[in-house]
Amino acid sequence: MNQFAASTGVAKSELGAYEETLKSIYTNNYGESFDDIAQAMATVKQQMGELDQTSLQNITESAFLLRDTFGYDVNESVRAANTMVTQFGIDGDKAMALIAEGAQNGLDYSGELMDSISEYSVQFAKVGLDADDMFKIMQRGAESGAFNLDKVGDAIKEMSIRVVDGSTTTAEGFAAIGLNADEMSAKFAAGGESAKEAFNET
């Protein structure tokens, strides 16, 4: 707990609650030792900031489950989950559940699931898509023969750049599918539901 306090800045007077959480995680058969659990809890707290003890426990246990089942480093899975929390406004439990479901559905076929989530969540959010949409599109990309997951994320990234760039090629592209570039660009630039509607239309 002293190591946990030193690495997170938690006051020693507050350590009692964290110690109880650590013991609960251990009692639930997660982690290899008290030290292992304390390090994982510190990683979650460092990356996700202030959490209540229930959320801290749930997210830490999920990180251990992902490590034990799929071999994901705790730091990697927590970083990916935190990116989704930041970009999509979901909670940590939901983010961890989506990672687990994606892995169960074979989305890590090219060994890039964690990196793709961390790198491309912002691009999916930019075109109005939410976390569920991102995983569905990744799934469709995998099923359609994308040879790695990075290509799926990169396609969304390139699209998010192009749809608002005002270039001749973008205007021609929209015209070729019967859409007005200026109108679509404005819809995409507005973000949120407007961008999602424009994405689906395109």
N, C-alpha and C. Protein backbone atom coordinates (compact mmCIF):
# COMPACT_ATOMS: atom_id res chain seq x y z
N MET A 1 0.83 -1.21 0.00
CA MET A 1 0.00 0.00 0.00
C MET A 1 0.86 1.26 0.00
N ASN A 2 2.04 1.18 0.63
CA ASN A 2 2.95 2.33 0.59
C ASN A 2 3.39 2.60 -0.84
N GLN A 3 3.68 1.52 -1.59
CA GLN A 3 4.08 1.65 -3.00
C GLN A 3 2.92 2.24 -3.82
N PHE A 4 1.71 1.77 -3.54
CA PHE A 4 0.52 2.27 -4.22
C PHE A 4 0.36 3.77 -3.95
N ALA A 5 0.52 4.16 -2.69
CA ALA A 5 0.38 5.57 -2.31
C ALA A 5 1.43 6.42 -3.01
N ALA A 6 2.67 5.91 -3.05
CA ALA A 6 3.76 6.66 -3.66
C ALA A 6 3.54 6.86 -5.16
N SER A 7 2.99 5.84 -5.84
CA SER A 7 2.83 5.92 -7.29
C SER A 7 1.55 6.63 -7.73
N THR A 8 0.61 6.82 -6.82
CA THR A 8 -0.66 7.46 -7.19
C THR A 8 -0.90 8.80 -6.50
N GLY A 9 -0.15 9.06 -5.44
CA GLY A 9 -0.36 10.30 -4.70
C GLY A 9 -1.53 10.25 -3.74
N VAL A 10 -2.07 9.05 -3.50
CA VAL A 10 -3.16 8.90 -2.53
C VAL A 10 -2.61 9.15 -1.13
N ALA A 11 -3.31 9.96 -0.36
CA ALA A 11 -2.88 10.26 1.01
C ALA A 11 -2.95 9.00 1.87
N LYS A 12 -1.99 8.86 2.78
CA LYS A 12 -1.95 7.66 3.62
C LYS A 12 -3.22 7.52 4.45
N SER A 13 -3.84 8.65 4.76
CA SER A 13 -5.08 8.60 5.54
C SER A 13 -6.23 7.97 4.76
N GLU A 14 -6.10 7.93 3.42
CA GLU A 14 -7.16 7.36 2.57
C GLU A 14 -6.88 5.91 2.16
N LEU A 15 -5.75 5.39 2.59
CA LEU A 15 -5.33 4.07 2.10
C LEU A 15 -6.23 2.92 2.56
N GLY A 16 -6.95 3.11 3.67
CA GLY A 16 -7.78 2.03 4.21
C GLY A 16 -8.78 1.50 3.19
N ALA A 17 -9.46 2.40 2.50
CA ALA A 17 -10.46 2.00 1.50
C ALA A 17 -9.81 1.24 0.36
N TYR A 18 -8.63 1.72 -0.09
CA TYR A 18 -7.93 1.05 -1.18
C TYR A 18 -7.43 -0.32 -0.76
N GLU A 19 -7.03 -0.44 0.51
CA GLU A 19 -6.56 -1.73 1.01
C GLU A 19 -7.70 -2.75 1.01
N GLU A 20 -8.90 -2.29 1.40
CA GLU A 20 -10.06 -3.18 1.39
C GLU A 20 -10.38 -3.63 -0.04
N THR A 21 -10.26 -2.72 -1.00
CA THR A 21 -10.49 -3.06 -2.40
C THR A 21 -9.46 -4.09 -2.87
N LEU A 22 -8.21 -3.88 -2.49
CA LEU A 22 -7.15 -4.82 -2.85
C LEU A 22 -7.46 -6.22 -2.30
N LYS A 23 -7.87 -6.27 -1.04
CA LYS A 23 -8.18 -7.56 -0.42
C LYS A 23 -9.37 -8.23 -1.11
N SER A 24 -10.36 -7.43 -1.50
CA SER A 24 -11.53 -7.98 -2.20
C SER A 24 -11.13 -8.59 -3.54
N ILE A 25 -10.26 -7.89 -4.27
CA ILE A 25 -9.78 -8.40 -5.56
C ILE A 25 -9.04 -9.71 -5.36
N TYR A 26 -8.22 -9.75 -4.32
CA TYR A 26 -7.44 -10.96 -4.01
C TYR A 26 -8.37 -12.12 -3.64
N THR A 27 -9.38 -11.80 -2.82
CA THR A 27 -10.36 -12.81 -2.39
C THR A 27 -11.12 -13.38 -3.59
N ASN A 28 -11.32 -12.55 -4.61
CA ASN A 28 -12.02 -13.00 -5.82
C ASN A 28 -11.12 -13.75 -6.80
N ASN A 29 -9.91 -14.05 -6.33
CA ASN A 29 -8.94 -14.85 -7.12
C ASN A 29 -8.38 -14.15 -8.36
N TYR A 30 -8.19 -12.84 -8.26
CA TYR A 30 -7.55 -12.10 -9.35
C TYR A 30 -6.15 -11.69 -8.89
N GLY A 31 -5.23 -11.64 -9.84
CA GLY A 31 -3.87 -11.22 -9.53
C GLY A 31 -3.05 -12.35 -8.94
N GLU A 32 -1.74 -12.18 -9.04
CA GLU A 32 -0.84 -13.22 -8.57
C GLU A 32 -0.41 -12.99 -7.13
N SER A 33 -0.50 -11.77 -6.65
CA SER A 33 -0.05 -11.44 -5.29
C SER A 33 -0.63 -10.07 -4.93
N PHE A 34 -0.48 -9.70 -3.67
CA PHE A 34 -0.90 -8.36 -3.25
C PHE A 34 -0.15 -7.30 -4.06
N ASP A 35 1.12 -7.53 -4.29
CA ASP A 35 1.94 -6.58 -5.05
C ASP A 35 1.42 -6.43 -6.48
N ASP A 36 1.10 -7.57 -7.11
CA ASP A 36 0.57 -7.56 -8.48
C ASP A 36 -0.72 -6.76 -8.54
N ILE A 37 -1.59 -6.97 -7.55
CA ILE A 37 -2.88 -6.26 -7.52
C ILE A 37 -2.66 -4.77 -7.27
N ALA A 38 -1.78 -4.44 -6.34
CA ALA A 38 -1.51 -3.03 -6.05
C ALA A 38 -0.99 -2.30 -7.28
N GLN A 39 -0.13 -2.97 -8.04
CA GLN A 39 0.41 -2.36 -9.26
C GLN A 39 -0.70 -2.14 -10.30
N ALA A 40 -1.58 -3.13 -10.44
CA ALA A 40 -2.69 -3.01 -11.40
C ALA A 40 -3.65 -1.91 -10.97
N MET A 41 -3.97 -1.85 -9.69
CA MET A 41 -4.84 -0.79 -9.18
C MET A 41 -4.22 0.59 -9.42
N ALA A 42 -2.91 0.68 -9.22
CA ALA A 42 -2.22 1.96 -9.44
C ALA A 42 -2.30 2.35 -10.92
N THR A 43 -2.14 1.37 -11.81
CA THR A 43 -2.23 1.63 -13.25
C THR A 43 -3.62 2.18 -13.61
N VAL A 44 -4.67 1.55 -13.08
CA VAL A 44 -6.04 2.00 -13.34
C VAL A 44 -6.23 3.41 -12.82
N LYS A 45 -5.78 3.67 -11.60
CA LYS A 45 -5.96 5.00 -11.00
C LYS A 45 -5.17 6.06 -11.75
N GLN A 46 -3.93 5.74 -12.14
CA GLN A 46 -3.10 6.71 -12.87
C GLN A 46 -3.73 7.09 -14.20
N GLN A 47 -4.30 6.10 -14.90
CA GLN A 47 -4.83 6.37 -16.24
C GLN A 47 -6.26 6.88 -16.22
N MET A 48 -7.05 6.43 -15.26
CA MET A 48 -8.48 6.78 -15.28
C MET A 48 -8.86 7.83 -14.24
N GLY A 49 -7.91 8.21 -13.39
CA GLY A 49 -8.19 9.27 -12.42
C GLY A 49 -9.07 8.80 -11.27
N GLU A 50 -9.88 9.72 -10.77
CA GLU A 50 -10.72 9.42 -9.60
C GLU A 50 -11.84 8.45 -9.96
N LEU A 51 -11.88 7.34 -9.25
CA LEU A 51 -12.94 6.34 -9.42
C LEU A 51 -13.44 5.95 -8.04
N ASP A 52 -14.70 5.58 -7.93
CA ASP A 52 -15.13 5.02 -6.65
C ASP A 52 -14.53 3.62 -6.52
N GLN A 53 -14.55 3.09 -5.30
CA GLN A 53 -13.88 1.81 -5.06
C GLN A 53 -14.49 0.66 -5.86
N THR A 54 -15.80 0.70 -6.07
CA THR A 54 -16.46 -0.37 -6.85
C THR A 54 -15.96 -0.36 -8.29
N SER A 55 -15.90 0.83 -8.90
CA SER A 55 -15.41 0.92 -10.28
C SER A 55 -13.94 0.52 -10.36
N LEU A 56 -13.15 0.97 -9.40
CA LEU A 56 -11.73 0.62 -9.38
C LEU A 56 -11.57 -0.90 -9.32
N GLN A 57 -12.36 -1.54 -8.46
CA GLN A 57 -12.28 -3.00 -8.35
C GLN A 57 -12.72 -3.68 -9.64
N ASN A 58 -13.85 -3.26 -10.18
CA ASN A 58 -14.38 -3.90 -11.40
C ASN A 58 -13.41 -3.78 -12.57
N ILE A 59 -12.85 -2.58 -12.76
CA ILE A 59 -11.94 -2.35 -13.89
C ILE A 59 -10.64 -3.11 -13.70
N THR A 60 -10.13 -3.14 -12.46
CA THR A 60 -8.90 -3.88 -12.18
C THR A 60 -9.11 -5.38 -12.42
N GLU A 61 -10.24 -5.90 -11.95
CA GLU A 61 -10.54 -7.33 -12.16
C GLU A 61 -10.70 -7.62 -13.65
N SER A 62 -11.33 -6.72 -14.39
CA SER A 62 -11.47 -6.91 -15.84
C SER A 62 -10.11 -6.94 -16.52
N ALA A 63 -9.21 -6.07 -16.07
CA ALA A 63 -7.86 -6.03 -16.64
C ALA A 63 -7.13 -7.35 -16.39
N PHE A 64 -7.30 -7.91 -15.20
CA PHE A 64 -6.69 -9.21 -14.90
C PHE A 64 -7.30 -10.32 -15.76
N LEU A 65 -8.63 -10.24 -15.93
CA LEU A 65 -9.33 -11.24 -16.75
C LEU A 65 -8.83 -11.20 -18.19
N LEU A 66 -8.65 -10.00 -18.73
CA LEU A 66 -8.12 -9.85 -20.09
C LEU A 66 -6.69 -10.35 -20.18
N ARG A 67 -5.91 -10.11 -19.13
CA ARG A 67 -4.53 -10.59 -19.11
C ARG A 67 -4.49 -12.13 -19.08
N ASP A 68 -5.31 -12.70 -18.20
CA ASP A 68 -5.29 -14.16 -18.03
C ASP A 68 -5.89 -14.89 -19.22
N THR A 69 -6.89 -14.29 -19.86
CA THR A 69 -7.58 -14.96 -20.96
C THR A 69 -6.91 -14.72 -22.31
N PHE A 70 -6.50 -13.47 -22.55
CA PHE A 70 -6.00 -13.11 -23.88
C PHE A 70 -4.53 -12.67 -23.90
N GLY A 71 -3.92 -12.60 -22.71
CA GLY A 71 -2.51 -12.20 -22.64
C GLY A 71 -2.27 -10.72 -22.78
N TYR A 72 -3.33 -9.89 -22.59
CA TYR A 72 -3.15 -8.44 -22.72
C TYR A 72 -2.49 -7.87 -21.48
N ASP A 73 -1.47 -7.07 -21.69
CA ASP A 73 -0.82 -6.36 -20.60
C ASP A 73 -1.84 -5.43 -19.93
N VAL A 74 -1.82 -5.39 -18.60
CA VAL A 74 -2.77 -4.56 -17.85
C VAL A 74 -2.71 -3.11 -18.32
N ASN A 75 -1.50 -2.60 -18.48
CA ASN A 75 -1.33 -1.20 -18.90
C ASN A 75 -1.98 -0.95 -20.27
N GLU A 76 -1.82 -1.90 -21.20
CA GLU A 76 -2.39 -1.76 -22.55
C GLU A 76 -3.91 -1.75 -22.54
N SER A 77 -4.49 -2.70 -21.82
CA SER A 77 -5.95 -2.79 -21.83
C SER A 77 -6.58 -1.60 -21.11
N VAL A 78 -5.94 -1.16 -20.02
CA VAL A 78 -6.48 0.00 -19.30
C VAL A 78 -6.35 1.26 -20.15
N ARG A 79 -5.23 1.39 -20.87
CA ARG A 79 -5.05 2.56 -21.76
C ARG A 79 -6.13 2.57 -22.85
N ALA A 80 -6.37 1.41 -23.46
CA ALA A 80 -7.39 1.32 -24.51
C ALA A 80 -8.77 1.65 -23.95
N ALA A 81 -9.07 1.12 -22.76
CA ALA A 81 -10.37 1.39 -22.14
C ALA A 81 -10.51 2.88 -21.81
N ASN A 82 -9.44 3.47 -21.29
CA ASN A 82 -9.49 4.89 -20.93
C ASN A 82 -9.68 5.77 -22.16
N THR A 83 -9.09 5.37 -23.29
CA THR A 83 -9.28 6.11 -24.53
C THR A 83 -10.76 6.13 -24.91
N MET A 84 -11.42 4.98 -24.77
CA MET A 84 -12.86 4.92 -25.08
C MET A 84 -13.69 5.75 -24.11
N VAL A 85 -13.30 5.72 -22.84
CA VAL A 85 -14.00 6.53 -21.84
C VAL A 85 -13.91 8.01 -22.24
N THR A 86 -12.71 8.43 -22.62
CA THR A 86 -12.47 9.83 -22.99
C THR A 86 -13.18 10.22 -24.28
N GLN A 87 -13.09 9.37 -25.30
CA GLN A 87 -13.62 9.72 -26.62
C GLN A 87 -15.13 9.52 -26.74
N PHE A 88 -15.66 8.49 -26.08
CA PHE A 88 -17.07 8.14 -26.27
C PHE A 88 -17.96 8.43 -25.06
N GLY A 89 -17.34 8.81 -23.95
CA GLY A 89 -18.12 9.14 -22.76
C GLY A 89 -18.78 7.95 -22.08
N ILE A 90 -18.25 6.76 -22.32
CA ILE A 90 -18.79 5.57 -21.65
C ILE A 90 -18.01 5.34 -20.34
N ASP A 91 -18.50 4.44 -19.49
CA ASP A 91 -17.75 4.20 -18.26
C ASP A 91 -16.74 3.07 -18.48
N GLY A 92 -15.83 2.94 -17.53
CA GLY A 92 -14.74 1.98 -17.65
C GLY A 92 -15.21 0.54 -17.75
N ASP A 93 -16.28 0.21 -17.02
CA ASP A 93 -16.80 -1.16 -17.06
C ASP A 93 -17.27 -1.52 -18.46
N LYS A 94 -18.00 -0.59 -19.09
CA LYS A 94 -18.50 -0.82 -20.45
C LYS A 94 -17.34 -0.96 -21.43
N ALA A 95 -16.32 -0.11 -21.26
CA ALA A 95 -15.15 -0.15 -22.15
C ALA A 95 -14.45 -1.50 -22.05
N MET A 96 -14.26 -1.98 -20.83
CA MET A 96 -13.61 -3.28 -20.63
C MET A 96 -14.45 -4.42 -21.22
N ALA A 97 -15.77 -4.31 -21.05
CA ALA A 97 -16.67 -5.34 -21.59
C ALA A 97 -16.59 -5.38 -23.11
N LEU A 98 -16.50 -4.22 -23.75
CA LEU A 98 -16.39 -4.17 -25.22
C LEU A 98 -15.07 -4.78 -25.69
N ILE A 99 -13.99 -4.52 -24.96
CA ILE A 99 -12.69 -5.11 -25.32
C ILE A 99 -12.78 -6.63 -25.24
N ALA A 100 -13.35 -7.13 -24.14
CA ALA A 100 -13.47 -8.58 -23.95
C ALA A 100 -14.33 -9.20 -25.05
N GLU A 101 -15.45 -8.55 -25.37
CA GLU A 101 -16.35 -9.07 -26.41
C GLU A 101 -15.65 -9.07 -27.77
N GLY A 102 -14.92 -7.98 -28.05
CA GLY A 102 -14.18 -7.90 -29.31
C GLY A 102 -13.15 -9.01 -29.43
N ALA A 103 -12.43 -9.26 -28.34
CA ALA A 103 -11.41 -10.32 -28.34
C ALA A 103 -12.07 -11.69 -28.52
N GLN A 104 -13.19 -11.89 -27.84
CA GLN A 104 -13.92 -13.17 -27.96
C GLN A 104 -14.40 -13.39 -29.39
N ASN A 105 -14.72 -12.30 -30.09
CA ASN A 105 -15.21 -12.39 -31.47
C ASN A 105 -14.08 -12.44 -32.50
N GLY A 106 -12.85 -12.58 -32.01
CA GLY A 106 -11.71 -12.75 -32.92
C GLY A 106 -11.16 -11.47 -33.51
N LEU A 107 -11.47 -10.32 -32.90
CA LEU A 107 -11.02 -9.05 -33.46
C LEU A 107 -9.52 -8.80 -33.34
N ASP A 108 -8.85 -9.60 -32.50
CA ASP A 108 -7.41 -9.40 -32.36
C ASP A 108 -6.62 -10.32 -33.29
N TYR A 109 -7.23 -10.67 -34.41
CA TYR A 109 -6.62 -11.63 -35.33
C TYR A 109 -5.26 -11.17 -35.86
N SER A 110 -5.02 -9.85 -35.88
CA SER A 110 -3.73 -9.37 -36.37
C SER A 110 -2.88 -8.82 -35.23
N GLY A 111 -3.32 -9.05 -33.97
CA GLY A 111 -2.54 -8.62 -32.81
C GLY A 111 -2.54 -7.12 -32.59
N GLU A 112 -3.57 -6.42 -33.11
CA GLU A 112 -3.56 -4.95 -33.05
C GLU A 112 -4.79 -4.36 -32.37
N LEU A 113 -5.57 -5.17 -31.69
CA LEU A 113 -6.83 -4.66 -31.14
C LEU A 113 -6.59 -3.52 -30.16
N MET A 114 -5.69 -3.72 -29.19
CA MET A 114 -5.45 -2.68 -28.18
C MET A 114 -4.93 -1.38 -28.83
N ASP A 115 -3.95 -1.52 -29.72
CA ASP A 115 -3.38 -0.35 -30.38
C ASP A 115 -4.42 0.36 -31.25
N SER A 116 -5.24 -0.42 -31.95
CA SER A 116 -6.25 0.17 -32.83
C SER A 116 -7.29 0.96 -32.03
N ILE A 117 -7.69 0.42 -30.88
CA ILE A 117 -8.65 1.14 -30.03
C ILE A 117 -8.02 2.45 -29.56
N SER A 118 -6.78 2.36 -29.06
CA SER A 118 -6.11 3.55 -28.53
C SER A 118 -5.88 4.61 -29.60
N GLU A 119 -5.54 4.16 -30.81
CA GLU A 119 -5.20 5.10 -31.88
C GLU A 119 -6.42 5.67 -32.60
N TYR A 120 -7.44 4.82 -32.82
CA TYR A 120 -8.50 5.23 -33.74
C TYR A 120 -9.83 5.63 -33.10
N SER A 121 -9.98 5.46 -31.78
CA SER A 121 -11.24 5.88 -31.14
C SER A 121 -11.57 7.33 -31.47
N VAL A 122 -10.56 8.18 -31.43
CA VAL A 122 -10.78 9.60 -31.70
C VAL A 122 -11.31 9.82 -33.12
N GLN A 123 -10.87 9.00 -34.07
CA GLN A 123 -11.31 9.14 -35.46
C GLN A 123 -12.76 8.69 -35.63
N PHE A 124 -13.12 7.61 -34.96
CA PHE A 124 -14.51 7.15 -35.02
C PHE A 124 -15.43 8.19 -34.38
N ALA A 125 -15.00 8.75 -33.24
CA ALA A 125 -15.80 9.76 -32.55
C ALA A 125 -15.96 11.00 -33.42
N LYS A 126 -14.92 11.33 -34.19
CA LYS A 126 -14.93 12.52 -35.05
C LYS A 126 -16.05 12.47 -36.09
N VAL A 127 -16.36 11.27 -36.58
CA VAL A 127 -17.44 11.14 -37.56
C VAL A 127 -18.76 10.72 -36.91
N GLY A 128 -18.87 10.99 -35.60
CA GLY A 128 -20.15 10.81 -34.91
C GLY A 128 -20.47 9.39 -34.48
N LEU A 129 -19.50 8.48 -34.57
CA LEU A 129 -19.75 7.09 -34.20
C LEU A 129 -19.45 6.86 -32.73
N ASP A 130 -20.15 5.91 -32.12
CA ASP A 130 -19.89 5.61 -30.71
C ASP A 130 -19.08 4.32 -30.60
N ALA A 131 -18.81 3.90 -29.38
CA ALA A 131 -17.95 2.74 -29.15
C ALA A 131 -18.54 1.47 -29.76
N ASP A 132 -19.86 1.30 -29.63
CA ASP A 132 -20.51 0.12 -30.23
C ASP A 132 -20.34 0.13 -31.74
N ASP A 133 -20.53 1.30 -32.35
CA ASP A 133 -20.36 1.43 -33.80
C ASP A 133 -18.94 1.03 -34.20
N MET A 134 -17.96 1.50 -33.43
CA MET A 134 -16.56 1.22 -33.75
C MET A 134 -16.30 -0.28 -33.79
N PHE A 135 -16.79 -0.99 -32.79
CA PHE A 135 -16.56 -2.43 -32.76
C PHE A 135 -17.32 -3.16 -33.87
N LYS A 136 -18.51 -2.68 -34.19
CA LYS A 136 -19.27 -3.29 -35.29
C LYS A 136 -18.53 -3.11 -36.62
N ILE A 137 -18.01 -1.91 -36.83
CA ILE A 137 -17.28 -1.64 -38.08
C ILE A 137 -15.98 -2.45 -38.13
N MET A 138 -15.29 -2.54 -37.01
CA MET A 138 -14.08 -3.38 -36.96
C MET A 138 -14.43 -4.84 -37.30
N GLN A 139 -15.56 -5.30 -36.73
CA GLN A 139 -16.00 -6.67 -36.98
C GLN A 139 -16.30 -6.90 -38.46
N ARG A 140 -17.03 -5.94 -39.06
CA ARG A 140 -17.36 -6.06 -40.48
C ARG A 140 -16.10 -6.03 -41.34
N GLY A 141 -15.17 -5.18 -40.95
CA GLY A 141 -13.90 -5.09 -41.68
C GLY A 141 -13.15 -6.41 -41.64
N ALA A 142 -13.12 -7.02 -40.45
CA ALA A 142 -12.44 -8.31 -40.29
C ALA A 142 -13.13 -9.37 -41.15
N GLU A 143 -14.46 -9.37 -41.11
CA GLU A 143 -15.22 -10.37 -41.87
C GLU A 143 -15.12 -10.14 -43.38
N SER A 144 -14.87 -8.88 -43.77
CA SER A 144 -14.78 -8.56 -45.20
C SER A 144 -13.39 -8.79 -45.77
N GLY A 145 -12.46 -9.24 -44.91
CA GLY A 145 -11.14 -9.61 -45.42
C GLY A 145 -10.04 -8.59 -45.23
N ALA A 146 -10.24 -7.56 -44.39
CA ALA A 146 -9.15 -6.62 -44.11
C ALA A 146 -8.00 -7.42 -43.48
N PHE A 147 -6.79 -7.31 -44.06
CA PHE A 147 -5.74 -8.21 -43.59
C PHE A 147 -5.19 -7.81 -42.23
N ASN A 148 -5.44 -6.59 -41.80
CA ASN A 148 -5.20 -6.27 -40.39
C ASN A 148 -6.16 -5.18 -39.93
N LEU A 149 -6.34 -5.10 -38.62
CA LEU A 149 -7.33 -4.20 -38.05
C LEU A 149 -6.95 -2.74 -38.27
N ASP A 150 -5.67 -2.47 -38.35
CA ASP A 150 -5.18 -1.11 -38.56
C ASP A 150 -5.77 -0.50 -39.84
N LYS A 151 -5.95 -1.34 -40.86
CA LYS A 151 -6.49 -0.86 -42.14
C LYS A 151 -7.92 -0.35 -41.98
N VAL A 152 -8.68 -1.00 -41.10
CA VAL A 152 -10.07 -0.60 -40.88
C VAL A 152 -10.09 0.77 -40.18
N GLY A 153 -9.30 0.89 -39.12
CA GLY A 153 -9.22 2.17 -38.41
C GLY A 153 -8.71 3.28 -39.30
N ASP A 154 -7.71 2.95 -40.11
CA ASP A 154 -7.11 3.95 -40.99
C ASP A 154 -8.10 4.43 -42.05
N ALA A 155 -8.97 3.55 -42.50
CA ALA A 155 -9.99 3.94 -43.49
C ALA A 155 -10.92 5.00 -42.90
N ILE A 156 -11.31 4.81 -41.64
CA ILE A 156 -12.17 5.79 -40.97
C ILE A 156 -11.40 7.10 -40.77
N LYS A 157 -10.13 6.98 -40.39
CA LYS A 157 -9.31 8.18 -40.19
C LYS A 157 -9.20 8.99 -41.48
N GLU A 158 -8.88 8.32 -42.58
CA GLU A 158 -8.74 9.01 -43.87
C GLU A 158 -10.06 9.63 -44.30
N MET A 159 -11.14 8.91 -44.04
CA MET A 159 -12.46 9.45 -44.39
C MET A 159 -12.74 10.71 -43.57
N SER A 160 -12.43 10.67 -42.27
CA SER A 160 -12.72 11.82 -41.41
C SER A 160 -11.93 13.06 -41.84
N ILE A 161 -10.76 12.84 -42.43
CA ILE A 161 -9.95 13.95 -42.94
C ILE A 161 -10.55 14.47 -44.25
N ARG A 162 -10.86 13.54 -45.15
CA ARG A 162 -11.32 13.90 -46.50
C ARG A 162 -12.67 14.61 -46.52
N VAL A 163 -13.60 14.15 -45.69
CA VAL A 163 -14.97 14.67 -45.80
C VAL A 163 -15.10 16.15 -45.42
N VAL A 164 -14.06 16.69 -44.79
CA VAL A 164 -14.13 18.11 -44.43
C VAL A 164 -13.02 18.94 -45.08
N ASP A 165 -12.25 18.33 -46.01
CA ASP A 165 -11.07 19.04 -46.54
C ASP A 165 -11.39 20.03 -47.67
N GLY A 166 -12.61 19.96 -48.23
CA GLY A 166 -13.00 20.91 -49.28
C GLY A 166 -12.25 20.76 -50.59
N SER A 167 -11.59 19.61 -50.79
CA SER A 167 -10.80 19.43 -52.01
C SER A 167 -11.68 19.04 -53.20
N THR A 168 -11.10 19.20 -54.39
CA THR A 168 -11.80 18.85 -55.63
C THR A 168 -12.12 17.36 -55.66
N THR A 169 -11.14 16.53 -55.25
CA THR A 169 -11.36 15.08 -55.28
C THR A 169 -12.48 14.66 -54.33
N THR A 170 -12.57 15.34 -53.18
CA THR A 170 -13.65 15.04 -52.24
C THR A 170 -15.00 15.42 -52.85
N ALA A 171 -15.05 16.61 -53.45
CA ALA A 171 -16.29 17.06 -54.11
C ALA A 171 -16.70 16.08 -55.20
N GLU A 172 -15.72 15.62 -55.98
CA GLU A 172 -15.99 14.65 -57.05
C GLU A 172 -16.49 13.33 -56.47
N GLY A 173 -15.89 12.93 -55.37
CA GLY A 173 -16.30 11.67 -54.73
C GLY A 173 -17.73 11.72 -54.25
N PHE A 174 -18.09 12.83 -53.59
CA PHE A 174 -19.48 12.99 -53.14
C PHE A 174 -20.43 13.05 -54.33
N ALA A 175 -20.04 13.80 -55.37
CA ALA A 175 -20.89 13.91 -56.56
C ALA A 175 -21.11 12.55 -57.21
N ALA A 176 -20.07 11.73 -57.20
CA ALA A 176 -20.16 10.40 -57.83
C ALA A 176 -21.19 9.49 -57.14
N ILE A 177 -21.46 9.77 -55.86
CA ILE A 177 -22.47 8.96 -55.16
C ILE A 177 -23.76 9.76 -54.93
N GLY A 178 -23.86 10.89 -55.65
CA GLY A 178 -25.11 11.66 -55.63
C GLY A 178 -25.30 12.55 -54.42
N LEU A 179 -24.20 12.97 -53.79
CA LEU A 179 -24.31 13.84 -52.61
C LEU A 179 -23.61 15.17 -52.86
N ASN A 180 -24.05 16.19 -52.13
CA ASN A 180 -23.45 17.52 -52.27
C ASN A 180 -22.31 17.67 -51.25
N ALA A 181 -21.12 17.96 -51.74
CA ALA A 181 -19.92 18.02 -50.89
C ALA A 181 -20.03 19.08 -49.80
N ASP A 182 -20.53 20.26 -50.14
CA ASP A 182 -20.62 21.34 -49.16
C ASP A 182 -21.58 20.98 -48.03
N GLU A 183 -22.72 20.42 -48.40
CA GLU A 183 -23.70 20.02 -47.39
C GLU A 183 -23.14 18.92 -46.49
N MET A 184 -22.50 17.92 -47.12
CA MET A 184 -21.97 16.80 -46.35
C MET A 184 -20.83 17.25 -45.44
N SER A 185 -19.99 18.12 -45.97
CA SER A 185 -18.87 18.63 -45.19
C SER A 185 -19.38 19.35 -43.94
N ALA A 186 -20.41 20.15 -44.10
CA ALA A 186 -21.00 20.87 -42.96
C ALA A 186 -21.59 19.91 -41.94
N LYS A 187 -22.24 18.85 -42.44
CA LYS A 187 -22.82 17.85 -41.53
C LYS A 187 -21.73 17.13 -40.74
N PHE A 188 -20.65 16.75 -41.44
CA PHE A 188 -19.55 16.07 -40.75
C PHE A 188 -18.88 16.99 -39.75
N ALA A 189 -18.67 18.24 -40.14
CA ALA A 189 -17.99 19.21 -39.28
C ALA A 189 -18.78 19.49 -38.00
N ALA A 190 -20.10 19.34 -38.07
CA ALA A 190 -20.95 19.60 -36.90
C ALA A 190 -20.76 18.54 -35.82
N GLY A 191 -20.25 17.36 -36.20
CA GLY A 191 -20.01 16.30 -35.23
C GLY A 191 -21.29 15.68 -34.71
N GLY A 192 -21.14 14.81 -33.71
CA GLY A 192 -22.29 14.18 -33.05
C GLY A 192 -23.24 13.46 -33.97
N GLU A 193 -24.54 13.64 -33.69
CA GLU A 193 -25.58 12.96 -34.47
C GLU A 193 -25.57 13.38 -35.94
N SER A 194 -25.25 14.66 -36.16
CA SER A 194 -25.19 15.17 -37.54
C SER A 194 -24.13 14.41 -38.33
N ALA A 195 -22.94 14.25 -37.73
CA ALA A 195 -21.85 13.54 -38.40
C ALA A 195 -22.19 12.06 -38.60
N LYS A 196 -22.85 11.48 -37.61
CA LYS A 196 -23.23 10.07 -37.73
C LYS A 196 -24.23 9.86 -38.87
N GLU A 197 -25.16 10.77 -38.97
CA GLU A 197 -26.15 10.71 -40.05
C GLU A 197 -25.44 10.84 -41.41
N ALA A 198 -24.48 11.77 -41.48
CA ALA A 198 -23.73 11.98 -42.72
C ALA A 198 -22.87 10.74 -43.06
N PHE A 199 -22.30 10.14 -42.03
CA PHE A 199 -21.51 8.93 -42.22
C PHE A 199 -22.37 7.82 -42.80
N ASN A 200 -23.53 7.61 -42.20
CA ASN A 200 -24.44 6.55 -42.68
C ASN A 200 -24.93 6.81 -44.09
N GLU A 201 -25.20 8.09 -44.38
CA GLU A 201 -25.65 8.48 -45.72
C GLU A 201 -24.55 8.18 -46.74
N THR A 202 -23.31 8.55 -46.38
CA THR A 202 -22.18 8.32 -47.29
C THR A 202 -21.91 6.84 -47.47
